[in-house]
Amino acid sequence: MVNDTTLLLGLDGVAVTKVVAAGEGSQEGPVVHLATADERARCCPQCGVAAVRMKEWVTTRPRDLPVAGRRCGLRWRKRRWCCDQASCPRQTFTEQVPQIPARSRLTVRLRQATGAAVGDGGRTVIQSARDHGVSWPIVSAAFTEHARRVLPAQPETVTVLGIDEVRRGRARWVLEEATGTWTTAVDRWHTGFVDLSGEQGLLGQVEGRTIAAVTGWLNERDASWRRQVAFVAIDMCTIFKSAVRAVLPHATLVVDHFHVVQLANQALTEVRRRVTVQIRGRRGRKGNREWELRNRLTRSAARMHGSQLDPMVDDLQALPVRLGRPILAAWNAKEDLLDLLALARTHPDRSVIADRLFRFYDRCAASGLPELERLATTIDTWWPEILAFIRTGITNAGSEGTNRVIKTTARDAYGFRNPENQRLRTRCATTRRGRGHLNLGYSAGISLRRSINEEGASDLR
């Protein structure tokens, strides 16, 4: 008969017979005595025939989740049955229910909770083991089972695909005795594939940052999946560019503007450092105005107040001509490039794009600075992909955010020894949002990112 205590415990197949309170000063919770309530428990697990002859009584002590905030000790008094079927190799068996399998020291829901705490709750394996009072290997195995249950075997189709790499630690090399050469056993890089148009998050990871690694993962998807990919966002990496051109020739490559701005700031910094050493004979330091303005120089002028922008230009013009003029020219070229990138998502006319692009090239050519000439050459090489960003506004910010989560997961775990386990952990961590295990307040940001990418994709079509 089902009583209130049985309903409170919530373990299907067993009923509570009595509850013994813990003694005063005891650190243990109450002891809950159980009895079998499911008649199917007397069926032989081998042949499925219900047994009629009992051999003995046995008592097991499975561990379970806390009840009402207290960890209770379970005492299940069950029977051992004899299987009288001549064709069955099983002679005896004990009763079992779905939540408490035979020879199991943990309930199924406790084991699943330990794995879900790692995969969905963001806890480390050791922290989940401490919270649930189990060992590290149990939690690790439970997480693996949980991850394979919640993660899809194959990703769904995507319209905008992001590709980016993340460093996972030190590379490991092995010596091949036959050839006497060293080969990579563990690569220091992982390449990730991210859904930028939906909420799938990290679609997969492969070890290595080579053309073969990228094309191998893409070729594992079927032809219909590859045809759905219309845009691929990457950084300025020729490896990714070659791989995408080989497997997804119909897709439009888009360069993330963050890396373009990074190159412009790097060129400006190189100019400032070079001319400082040439004029002052040493590196910049406190008291040198160009060194004190180093952070302000790399900021966008559109985001600076006039009280900061005008004095900075005046200070650069007040420096010696051989020192201030190159830095100011590099800063103006950087701002011209930022003005060009600012046309993204504004549906600009091609004449406006051409005018700002010419102004940037003309500034770099007139400066005579090798750093700006190299920057202009890089922009010219990647101009089709940069133009695709201006027209669509698609960015690879989703991949960069995924990399941040991957690094945080690795730090929490104090590193990973097994690359396969790392990829499993990172996929669970980076897909929690899509599976509904994060704060719902993030949904506004997801909707905004999806609308931006979908709007840019529809415009280019």
Protein backbone atom coordinates (compact mmCIF):
# COMPACT_ATOMS: atom_id res chain seq x y z
CA MET A 1 0.00 0.00 0.00
CA VAL A 2 1.32 3.42 -0.94
CA ASN A 3 1.65 5.76 2.04
CA ASP A 4 2.64 9.41 2.32
CA THR A 5 6.24 8.60 3.18
CA THR A 6 6.54 6.45 0.07
CA LEU A 7 5.21 9.30 -2.04
CA LEU A 8 7.71 11.68 -0.43
CA LEU A 9 10.62 9.36 -1.14
CA GLY A 10 9.56 8.91 -4.77
CA LEU A 11 11.36 5.65 -5.55
CA ASP A 12 9.22 3.60 -7.91
CA GLY A 13 8.93 -0.09 -7.08
CA VAL A 14 9.60 0.13 -3.35
CA ALA A 15 7.49 1.18 -0.36
CA VAL A 16 8.54 2.67 2.95
CA THR A 17 7.75 0.41 5.91
CA LYS A 18 9.18 2.58 8.66
CA VAL A 19 11.54 5.47 9.35
CA VAL A 20 13.98 5.40 12.26
CA ALA A 21 15.21 8.79 13.40
CA ALA A 22 18.91 9.30 13.99
CA GLY A 23 20.11 9.57 17.57
CA GLU A 24 20.99 12.85 19.21
CA GLY A 25 24.37 14.20 18.15
CA SER A 26 24.56 11.85 15.18
CA GLN A 27 25.83 13.23 11.90
CA GLU A 28 23.76 10.73 9.93
CA GLY A 29 20.18 11.29 8.78
CA PRO A 30 17.18 9.08 9.44
CA VAL A 31 17.14 5.46 8.28
CA VAL A 32 14.37 4.58 5.84
CA HIS A 33 13.36 0.92 5.68
CA LEU A 34 12.01 -0.27 2.35
CA ALA A 35 10.06 -3.24 1.05
CA THR A 36 9.43 -4.39 -2.50
CA ALA A 37 6.16 -3.07 -3.92
CA ASP A 38 6.47 -4.16 -7.55
CA GLU A 39 5.47 -7.72 -8.41
CA ARG A 40 7.66 -7.62 -11.51
CA ALA A 41 10.70 -7.65 -9.24
CA ARG A 42 10.24 -11.40 -8.74
CA CYS A 43 10.65 -12.09 -12.47
CA CYS A 44 13.93 -13.71 -13.45
CA PRO A 45 16.15 -11.20 -15.30
CA GLN A 46 17.38 -14.01 -17.56
CA CYS A 47 14.21 -15.75 -18.74
CA GLY A 48 11.53 -13.34 -17.49
CA VAL A 49 9.44 -15.98 -15.72
CA ALA A 50 8.04 -15.08 -12.29
CA ALA A 51 9.62 -17.13 -9.51
CA VAL A 52 7.52 -18.94 -6.89
CA ARG A 53 10.18 -20.31 -4.57
CA MET A 54 12.10 -18.01 -2.23
CA LYS A 55 15.58 -18.83 -1.01
CA GLU A 56 16.39 -16.19 1.61
CA TRP A 57 16.04 -12.61 2.77
CA VAL A 58 18.81 -10.08 2.04
CA THR A 59 19.25 -6.43 3.02
CA THR A 60 20.98 -3.85 0.82
CA ARG A 61 21.97 -0.28 1.62
CA PRO A 62 21.79 1.75 -1.60
CA ARG A 63 22.66 5.44 -1.43
CA ASP A 64 20.16 7.99 -2.68
CA LEU A 65 19.67 11.72 -3.11
CA PRO A 66 18.90 13.78 0.00
CA VAL A 67 15.27 13.96 1.06
CA ALA A 68 14.06 17.33 2.38
CA GLY A 69 17.65 18.49 2.64
CA ARG A 70 18.83 15.49 4.67
CA ARG A 71 20.79 12.50 3.43
CA CYS A 72 18.85 9.40 4.46
CA GLY A 73 20.14 5.87 4.81
CA LEU A 74 18.12 3.30 2.87
CA ARG A 75 17.63 -0.27 4.09
CA TRP A 76 15.91 -2.42 1.50
CA ARG A 77 14.91 -5.84 2.80
CA LYS A 78 14.25 -7.95 -0.27
CA ARG A 79 14.06 -11.59 -1.23
CA ARG A 80 16.36 -13.85 -3.16
CA TRP A 81 14.35 -16.07 -5.46
CA CYS A 82 15.09 -19.40 -7.10
CA CYS A 83 14.47 -19.78 -10.81
CA ASP A 84 12.99 -23.26 -11.40
CA GLN A 85 13.07 -23.10 -15.18
CA ALA A 86 15.22 -25.93 -16.50
CA SER A 87 16.22 -24.01 -19.62
CA CYS A 88 17.34 -20.92 -17.66
CA PRO A 89 21.03 -20.81 -16.68
CA ARG A 90 20.19 -18.45 -13.84
CA GLN A 91 19.63 -20.33 -10.59
CA THR A 92 18.99 -17.51 -8.11
CA PHE A 93 18.45 -13.79 -8.29
CA THR A 94 17.53 -10.92 -6.00
CA GLU A 95 14.71 -8.50 -6.49
CA GLN A 96 15.44 -5.34 -8.44
CA VAL A 97 13.50 -2.30 -9.58
CA PRO A 98 14.37 0.22 -12.32
CA GLN A 99 15.67 2.80 -9.82
CA ILE A 100 17.74 0.25 -7.87
CA PRO A 101 19.32 -2.34 -10.19
CA ALA A 102 20.84 -5.53 -8.85
CA ARG A 103 24.27 -5.19 -7.21
CA SER A 104 24.03 -1.39 -7.46
CA ARG A 105 25.18 0.69 -4.51
CA LEU A 106 23.62 3.85 -5.91
CA THR A 107 20.14 4.63 -7.09
CA VAL A 108 19.79 5.51 -10.74
CA ARG A 109 18.65 9.03 -9.95
CA LEU A 110 21.68 9.67 -7.74
CA ARG A 111 24.02 8.47 -10.47
CA GLN A 112 22.26 10.61 -13.05
CA ALA A 113 22.34 13.64 -10.75
CA THR A 114 26.11 13.37 -10.34
CA GLY A 115 26.60 13.35 -14.11
CA ALA A 116 24.09 16.15 -14.72
CA ALA A 117 25.83 18.34 -12.12
CA VAL A 118 28.97 18.23 -14.27
CA GLY A 119 27.33 18.42 -17.69
CA ASP A 120 24.53 20.87 -16.95
CA GLY A 121 25.42 22.46 -13.61
CA GLY A 122 28.96 23.50 -14.52
CA ARG A 123 30.58 21.71 -11.57
CA THR A 124 33.86 19.89 -11.74
CA VAL A 125 33.98 16.13 -11.32
CA ILE A 126 35.58 16.34 -7.89
CA GLN A 127 33.08 18.94 -6.70
CA SER A 128 30.13 16.81 -7.80
CA ALA A 129 31.70 13.82 -6.07
CA ARG A 130 32.01 15.77 -2.81
CA ASP A 131 28.48 17.15 -3.02
CA HIS A 132 26.91 13.74 -3.61
CA GLY A 133 29.22 11.68 -1.40
CA VAL A 134 30.57 9.40 -4.12
CA SER A 135 33.96 8.78 -5.70
CA TRP A 136 35.60 10.51 -8.65
CA PRO A 137 35.43 7.48 -11.02
CA ILE A 138 31.69 7.10 -10.39
CA VAL A 139 31.02 10.74 -11.29
CA SER A 140 33.29 10.57 -14.32
CA ALA A 141 31.48 7.52 -15.69
CA ALA A 142 28.09 9.07 -14.88
CA PHE A 143 29.05 12.26 -16.72
CA THR A 144 30.15 10.32 -19.79
CA GLU A 145 26.82 8.49 -19.84
CA HIS A 146 24.94 11.76 -19.32
CA ALA A 147 26.86 13.53 -22.09
CA ARG A 148 26.24 10.79 -24.61
CA ARG A 149 22.55 10.88 -23.71
CA VAL A 150 21.99 14.64 -24.06
CA LEU A 151 24.40 15.47 -26.89
CA PRO A 152 23.22 14.67 -30.41
CA ALA A 153 25.24 12.21 -32.41
CA GLN A 154 25.10 14.51 -35.44
CA PRO A 155 24.54 18.29 -35.40
CA GLU A 156 21.53 19.79 -37.06
CA THR A 157 21.93 21.88 -40.18
CA VAL A 158 23.29 25.39 -39.83
CA THR A 159 23.27 28.44 -42.09
CA VAL A 160 26.19 30.35 -40.59
CA LEU A 161 29.15 28.28 -39.43
CA GLY A 162 31.99 29.62 -37.28
CA ILE A 163 35.44 28.05 -37.24
CA ASP A 164 38.13 28.98 -34.73
CA GLU A 165 40.98 27.37 -32.85
CA VAL A 166 41.78 27.22 -29.14
CA ARG A 167 44.94 26.11 -27.41
CA ARG A 168 44.58 23.11 -25.09
CA GLY A 169 48.06 22.86 -23.57
CA ARG A 170 51.46 21.58 -24.58
CA ALA A 171 52.09 19.41 -27.58
CA ARG A 172 53.44 15.90 -27.08
CA TRP A 173 55.84 14.20 -29.45
CA VAL A 174 56.82 10.58 -29.98
CA LEU A 175 59.88 9.22 -31.76
CA GLU A 176 59.29 6.71 -34.53
CA GLU A 177 62.18 4.28 -34.29
CA ALA A 178 61.76 3.05 -37.85
CA THR A 179 62.17 6.46 -39.46
CA GLY A 180 63.94 8.31 -36.66
CA THR A 181 61.52 11.23 -36.92
CA TRP A 182 59.36 12.90 -34.31
CA THR A 183 55.60 12.94 -34.83
CA THR A 184 52.86 14.73 -32.93
CA ALA A 185 51.05 12.50 -30.43
CA VAL A 186 48.93 15.25 -28.86
CA ASP A 187 48.43 18.56 -30.65
CA ARG A 188 48.37 21.78 -28.66
CA TRP A 189 45.48 23.12 -30.72
CA HIS A 190 41.83 22.17 -31.03
CA THR A 191 39.64 23.46 -33.86
CA GLY A 192 36.00 24.10 -33.01
CA PHE A 193 32.91 24.41 -35.21
CA VAL A 194 30.17 26.66 -33.84
CA ASP A 195 26.59 27.30 -34.89
CA LEU A 196 26.35 31.08 -35.33
CA SER A 197 22.81 31.16 -36.69
CA GLY A 198 21.11 28.96 -34.09
CA GLU A 199 21.45 27.82 -30.50
CA GLN A 200 23.36 24.57 -30.93
CA GLY A 201 26.57 26.09 -29.64
CA LEU A 202 29.69 24.02 -30.22
CA LEU A 203 28.93 21.47 -32.93
CA GLY A 204 32.19 19.58 -32.57
CA GLN A 205 35.92 19.75 -32.01
CA VAL A 206 38.86 18.13 -33.71
CA GLU A 207 42.43 17.88 -32.57
CA GLY A 208 44.87 19.89 -34.62
CA ARG A 209 44.83 23.06 -36.69
CA THR A 210 45.47 21.66 -40.15
CA ILE A 211 43.60 21.51 -43.43
CA ALA A 212 43.17 17.76 -43.01
CA ALA A 213 41.61 18.19 -39.56
CA VAL A 214 39.08 20.78 -40.77
CA THR A 215 38.17 19.02 -43.99
CA GLY A 216 37.92 15.71 -42.16
CA TRP A 217 35.23 17.02 -39.81
CA LEU A 218 33.31 18.70 -42.61
CA ASN A 219 33.43 15.59 -44.81
CA GLU A 220 31.92 13.55 -41.97
CA ARG A 221 28.70 15.52 -42.44
CA ASP A 222 26.44 14.40 -45.26
CA ALA A 223 26.07 16.32 -48.51
CA SER A 224 22.71 17.86 -47.57
CA TRP A 225 24.19 19.24 -44.34
CA ARG A 226 27.08 20.85 -46.21
CA ARG A 227 24.75 22.39 -48.79
CA GLN A 228 22.84 24.22 -46.03
CA VAL A 229 25.96 26.12 -44.93
CA ALA A 230 25.74 29.49 -46.67
CA PHE A 231 28.33 31.49 -44.70
CA VAL A 232 31.49 30.57 -42.82
CA ALA A 233 33.02 33.06 -40.38
CA ILE A 234 36.75 32.70 -39.72
CA ASP A 235 39.72 34.77 -38.66
CA MET A 236 42.44 35.60 -41.17
CA CYS A 237 43.80 32.05 -41.26
CA THR A 238 44.81 30.60 -44.61
CA ILE A 239 44.37 27.07 -43.25
CA PHE A 240 40.67 27.58 -42.60
CA LYS A 241 40.27 29.45 -45.87
CA SER A 242 41.77 26.61 -47.92
CA ALA A 243 39.75 23.96 -46.08
CA VAL A 244 36.46 25.78 -46.58
CA ARG A 245 37.18 26.40 -50.26
CA ALA A 246 37.88 22.69 -50.72
CA VAL A 247 34.79 21.29 -48.96
CA LEU A 248 32.28 24.18 -49.06
CA PRO A 249 33.00 25.97 -52.34
CA HIS A 250 29.48 27.42 -52.44
CA ALA A 251 29.74 29.06 -49.00
CA THR A 252 30.64 32.73 -48.57
CA LEU A 253 33.71 33.33 -46.41
CA VAL A 254 33.41 36.15 -43.88
CA VAL A 255 36.38 37.54 -41.94
CA ASP A 256 35.66 38.59 -38.39
CA HIS A 257 36.27 42.34 -38.06
CA PHE A 258 37.81 41.95 -34.61
CA HIS A 259 40.96 40.49 -36.13
CA VAL A 260 41.10 43.25 -38.74
CA VAL A 261 41.01 45.89 -36.01
CA GLN A 262 43.58 43.93 -34.08
CA LEU A 263 45.95 44.03 -37.06
CA ALA A 264 45.47 47.77 -37.42
CA ASN A 265 46.23 48.40 -33.75
CA GLN A 266 49.24 46.11 -33.97
CA ALA A 267 50.61 48.08 -36.95
CA LEU A 268 50.09 51.34 -35.04
CA THR A 269 51.90 49.94 -32.00
CA GLU A 270 54.81 48.75 -34.15
CA VAL A 271 55.17 52.21 -35.70
CA ARG A 272 55.17 53.89 -32.30
CA ARG A 273 57.78 51.52 -30.88
CA ARG A 274 60.05 51.71 -33.93
CA VAL A 275 60.17 55.48 -34.19
CA THR A 276 60.64 55.79 -30.41
CA VAL A 277 63.73 53.59 -30.54
CA GLN A 278 65.06 55.46 -33.59
CA ILE A 279 64.60 58.94 -32.11
CA ARG A 280 65.18 58.35 -28.40
CA GLY A 281 67.57 55.43 -28.68
CA ARG A 282 65.55 53.36 -26.21
CA ARG A 283 62.08 52.05 -25.51
CA GLY A 284 59.32 54.38 -24.43
CA ARG A 285 58.76 55.01 -20.75
CA LYS A 286 56.96 57.31 -18.36
CA GLY A 287 57.54 60.93 -19.31
CA ASN A 288 57.40 60.20 -23.05
CA ARG A 289 54.08 61.50 -24.26
CA GLU A 290 53.74 58.97 -27.09
CA TRP A 291 54.21 56.15 -24.54
CA GLU A 292 51.66 57.65 -22.16
CA LEU A 293 49.14 57.78 -25.02
CA ARG A 294 49.67 54.15 -26.05
CA ASN A 295 46.28 52.92 -24.77
CA ARG A 296 44.37 55.92 -26.03
CA LEU A 297 45.86 55.48 -29.51
CA THR A 298 44.36 52.01 -29.88
CA ARG A 299 40.87 53.17 -28.91
CA SER A 300 38.31 54.04 -31.53
CA ALA A 301 37.93 57.78 -32.05
CA ALA A 302 34.17 57.30 -32.42
CA ARG A 303 34.06 56.13 -28.79
CA MET A 304 36.23 58.89 -27.38
CA HIS A 305 35.06 62.20 -25.96
CA GLY A 306 36.32 65.42 -27.49
CA SER A 307 38.10 66.25 -24.23
CA GLN A 308 40.29 63.20 -24.83
CA LEU A 309 40.57 63.16 -28.61
CA ASP A 310 41.59 66.74 -29.30
CA PRO A 311 44.35 66.92 -26.67
CA MET A 312 45.77 63.61 -27.94
CA VAL A 313 46.08 64.96 -31.50
CA ASP A 314 47.60 68.20 -30.19
CA ASP A 315 50.15 66.26 -28.12
CA LEU A 316 51.19 64.16 -31.12
CA GLN A 317 51.60 67.26 -33.27
CA ALA A 318 53.69 68.89 -30.53
CA LEU A 319 56.20 66.02 -30.58
CA PRO A 320 59.28 66.21 -32.84
CA VAL A 321 58.29 65.81 -36.48
CA ARG A 322 60.17 62.53 -36.96
CA LEU A 323 58.41 61.12 -33.91
CA GLY A 324 54.90 62.53 -33.93
CA ARG A 325 54.17 62.55 -37.67
CA PRO A 326 54.55 58.76 -38.27
CA ILE A 327 52.47 57.93 -35.21
CA LEU A 328 49.73 60.36 -36.26
CA ALA A 329 49.76 58.94 -39.80
CA ALA A 330 49.43 55.39 -38.48
CA TRP A 331 46.61 56.48 -36.17
CA ASN A 332 44.74 58.15 -39.04
CA ALA A 333 45.14 55.03 -41.20
CA LYS A 334 43.77 52.91 -38.39
CA GLU A 335 40.78 55.23 -38.04
CA ASP A 336 40.18 55.12 -41.80
CA LEU A 337 40.01 51.34 -41.61
CA LEU A 338 37.61 51.52 -38.65
CA ASP A 339 35.41 53.93 -40.61
CA LEU A 340 35.33 51.39 -43.42
CA LEU A 341 34.33 48.56 -41.09
CA ALA A 342 31.69 50.76 -39.45
CA LEU A 343 29.65 50.52 -42.65
CA ALA A 344 28.62 47.00 -41.68
CA ARG A 345 24.87 46.50 -41.09
CA THR A 346 24.14 49.97 -42.58
CA HIS A 347 23.42 48.70 -46.13
CA PRO A 348 26.02 51.04 -47.71
CA ASP A 349 26.21 51.91 -51.37
CA ARG A 350 29.18 50.48 -53.24
CA SER A 351 30.44 53.98 -53.98
CA VAL A 352 30.65 54.75 -50.24
CA ILE A 353 32.60 51.56 -49.66
CA ALA A 354 34.96 52.33 -52.55
CA ASP A 355 35.53 55.89 -51.33
CA ARG A 356 36.49 54.83 -47.81
CA LEU A 357 38.62 51.96 -49.06
CA PHE A 358 40.53 54.30 -51.40
CA ARG A 359 41.06 56.78 -48.56
CA PHE A 360 42.61 54.01 -46.43
CA TYR A 361 44.89 52.79 -49.25
CA ASP A 362 45.92 56.33 -50.14
CA ARG A 363 46.78 57.09 -46.52
CA CYS A 364 48.94 53.97 -46.23
CA ALA A 365 50.73 54.64 -49.52
CA ALA A 366 51.39 58.32 -48.74
CA SER A 367 52.81 57.56 -45.29
CA GLY A 368 55.79 55.56 -46.59
CA LEU A 369 55.68 53.43 -43.43
CA PRO A 370 56.45 49.73 -44.00
CA GLU A 371 54.03 48.71 -41.27
CA LEU A 372 51.13 50.45 -43.01
CA GLU A 373 52.14 49.09 -46.40
CA ARG A 374 52.08 45.58 -44.94
CA LEU A 375 48.68 46.27 -43.39
CA ALA A 376 47.31 47.53 -46.72
CA THR A 377 48.63 44.41 -48.46
CA THR A 378 46.88 42.18 -45.93
CA ILE A 379 43.61 44.07 -46.35
CA ASP A 380 43.90 43.75 -50.13
CA THR A 381 44.53 39.99 -49.86
CA TRP A 382 41.48 39.44 -47.66
CA TRP A 383 39.28 42.11 -49.19
CA PRO A 384 36.56 39.75 -50.59
CA GLU A 385 36.06 38.26 -47.13
CA ILE A 386 36.13 41.70 -45.46
CA LEU A 387 33.60 42.99 -48.00
CA ALA A 388 31.37 40.04 -47.10
CA PHE A 389 31.45 41.19 -43.48
CA ILE A 390 30.52 44.76 -44.47
CA ARG A 391 27.57 43.50 -46.49
CA THR A 392 26.29 40.90 -44.00
CA GLY A 393 27.54 42.01 -40.58
CA ILE A 394 28.24 38.38 -39.65
CA THR A 395 30.89 38.03 -36.96
CA ASN A 396 32.70 35.14 -35.34
CA ALA A 397 31.94 36.43 -31.84
CA GLY A 398 30.05 33.22 -31.04
CA SER A 399 33.21 31.17 -31.62
CA GLU A 400 35.27 33.52 -29.46
CA GLY A 401 32.70 33.24 -26.66
CA THR A 402 32.79 29.47 -26.98
CA ASN A 403 36.57 29.53 -26.65
CA ARG A 404 36.22 31.50 -23.43
CA VAL A 405 33.93 28.84 -21.98
CA ILE A 406 36.35 26.13 -23.11
CA LYS A 407 39.26 27.81 -21.35
CA THR A 408 37.21 28.34 -18.20
CA THR A 409 36.24 24.66 -18.15
CA ALA A 410 39.87 23.64 -18.54
CA ARG A 411 40.96 25.91 -15.69
CA ASP A 412 38.23 24.58 -13.41
CA ALA A 413 39.38 21.04 -14.09
CA TYR A 414 43.07 21.98 -13.63
CA GLY A 415 43.68 20.75 -17.15
CA PHE A 416 42.80 17.56 -18.98
CA ARG A 417 44.97 14.55 -19.65
CA ASN A 418 42.60 12.96 -22.15
CA PRO A 419 41.67 15.03 -25.23
CA GLU A 420 38.50 13.01 -25.79
CA ASN A 421 37.26 13.73 -22.27
CA GLN A 422 38.10 17.40 -22.74
CA ARG A 423 36.08 17.60 -25.94
CA LEU A 424 33.15 15.90 -24.20
CA ARG A 425 33.29 18.32 -21.27
CA THR A 426 33.59 21.38 -23.48
CA ARG A 427 30.69 20.34 -25.70
CA CYS A 428 28.44 19.96 -22.67
CA ALA A 429 29.62 23.28 -21.25
CA THR A 430 29.14 25.19 -24.50
CA THR A 431 25.70 23.72 -25.29
CA ARG A 432 24.10 24.35 -21.90
CA ARG A 433 22.43 27.50 -23.16
CA GLY A 434 20.85 25.77 -26.12
CA ARG A 435 19.67 22.92 -23.90
CA GLY A 436 18.03 25.36 -21.48
CA HIS A 437 20.38 25.05 -18.51
CA LEU A 438 21.47 28.68 -18.21
CA ASN A 439 19.81 31.84 -16.94
CA LEU A 440 16.89 32.77 -19.15
CA GLY A 441 18.07 36.38 -19.04
CA TYR A 442 20.60 35.46 -21.71
CA SER A 443 17.83 34.76 -24.20
CA ALA A 444 17.70 38.44 -25.22
CA GLY A 445 21.34 38.32 -26.29
CA ILE A 446 20.75 35.10 -28.20
CA SER A 447 17.82 36.59 -30.08
CA LEU A 448 19.83 39.70 -30.94
CA ARG A 449 22.77 37.69 -32.27
CA ARG A 450 20.49 35.45 -34.31
CA SER A 451 18.63 38.42 -35.79
CA ILE A 452 21.88 40.13 -36.80
CA ASN A 453 23.28 37.04 -38.52
CA GLU A 454 19.99 36.10 -40.20
CA GLU A 455 19.47 39.67 -41.40
CA GLY A 456 22.94 39.81 -42.89
CA ALA A 457 22.52 36.42 -44.52
CA SER A 458 19.19 37.38 -46.12
CA ASP A 459 20.65 40.66 -47.42
CA LEU A 460 23.51 38.93 -49.21
CA ARG A 461 21.16 36.42 -50.77
